[in-house]
Amino acid sequence: MKEMTVHDTIAEYLSDSPYVYKRASIDDMDELVRTRIEVLRAANKLSDEIDMSQVQQEA
């Protein structure tokens, strides 16, 4: 009997998932960063005038 690796366990778990997983492209990452900044603004009640360029650069 083959010993299960962490990779095997994760692959088995994901195969039963209703979601489709893929590797993120640069465009996907850009969209995730924009979304993250929107969430940070909303959660911290920041106005659109607050400069978030440092957050964007660090992401």
Protein backbone atom coordinates (compact mmCIF):
# COMPACT_ATOMS: atom_id res chain seq x y z
CA MET A 1 0.00 0.00 0.00
CA LYS A 2 1.37 3.41 -1.05
CA GLU A 3 1.94 5.93 1.74
CA MET A 4 -0.13 9.11 1.27
CA THR A 5 1.86 12.31 0.94
CA VAL A 6 0.57 15.76 1.81
CA HIS A 7 0.30 16.44 -1.94
CA ASP A 8 -1.82 13.30 -2.41
CA THR A 9 -4.08 14.28 0.48
CA ILE A 10 -4.60 17.81 -0.86
CA ALA A 11 -5.20 16.54 -4.40
CA GLU A 12 -7.80 14.07 -3.12
CA TYR A 13 -9.53 16.79 -1.09
CA LEU A 14 -9.60 19.20 -4.03
CA SER A 15 -10.93 16.57 -6.42
CA ASP A 16 -14.13 16.41 -4.33
CA SER A 17 -14.47 20.19 -4.30
CA PRO A 18 -17.14 21.96 -6.36
CA TYR A 19 -14.61 24.73 -7.10
CA VAL A 20 -12.12 24.92 -9.95
CA TYR A 21 -8.60 25.82 -8.89
CA LYS A 22 -6.02 27.35 -11.20
CA ARG A 23 -2.70 29.11 -10.96
CA ALA A 24 -3.17 32.87 -10.81
CA SER A 25 -1.87 34.95 -13.70
CA ILE A 26 -0.43 38.46 -13.33
CA ASP A 27 -3.83 39.87 -14.34
CA ASP A 28 -5.50 37.76 -11.64
CA MET A 29 -3.01 39.03 -9.07
CA ASP A 30 -3.64 42.64 -10.11
CA GLU A 31 -7.38 42.12 -9.64
CA LEU A 32 -6.81 40.49 -6.23
CA VAL A 33 -4.69 43.47 -5.12
CA ARG A 34 -7.36 45.95 -6.29
CA THR A 35 -10.01 43.96 -4.43
CA ARG A 36 -7.86 43.79 -1.30
CA ILE A 37 -7.43 47.57 -1.33
CA GLU A 38 -11.20 48.04 -1.70
CA VAL A 39 -11.79 45.74 1.28
CA LEU A 40 -9.16 47.55 3.37
CA ARG A 41 -10.78 50.90 2.52
CA ALA A 42 -14.25 49.64 3.46
CA ALA A 43 -13.16 47.84 6.64
CA ASN A 44 -11.21 50.85 7.87
CA LYS A 45 -13.72 53.43 6.59
CA LEU A 46 -11.05 55.16 4.50
CA SER A 47 -11.96 57.72 1.88
CA ASP A 48 -10.88 57.42 -1.74
CA GLU A 49 -8.45 60.30 -1.14
CA ILE A 50 -6.23 58.13 1.08
CA ASP A 51 -3.12 57.06 -0.85
CA MET A 52 -2.92 53.27 -1.02
CA SER A 53 -0.02 53.11 -3.50
CA GLN A 54 2.35 51.72 -0.86
CA VAL A 55 -0.09 48.87 -0.14
CA GLN A 56 -0.31 48.20 -3.88
CA GLN A 57 3.49 48.19 -4.29
CA GLU A 58 4.04 45.85 -1.35
CA ALA A 59 1.43 43.39 -2.60
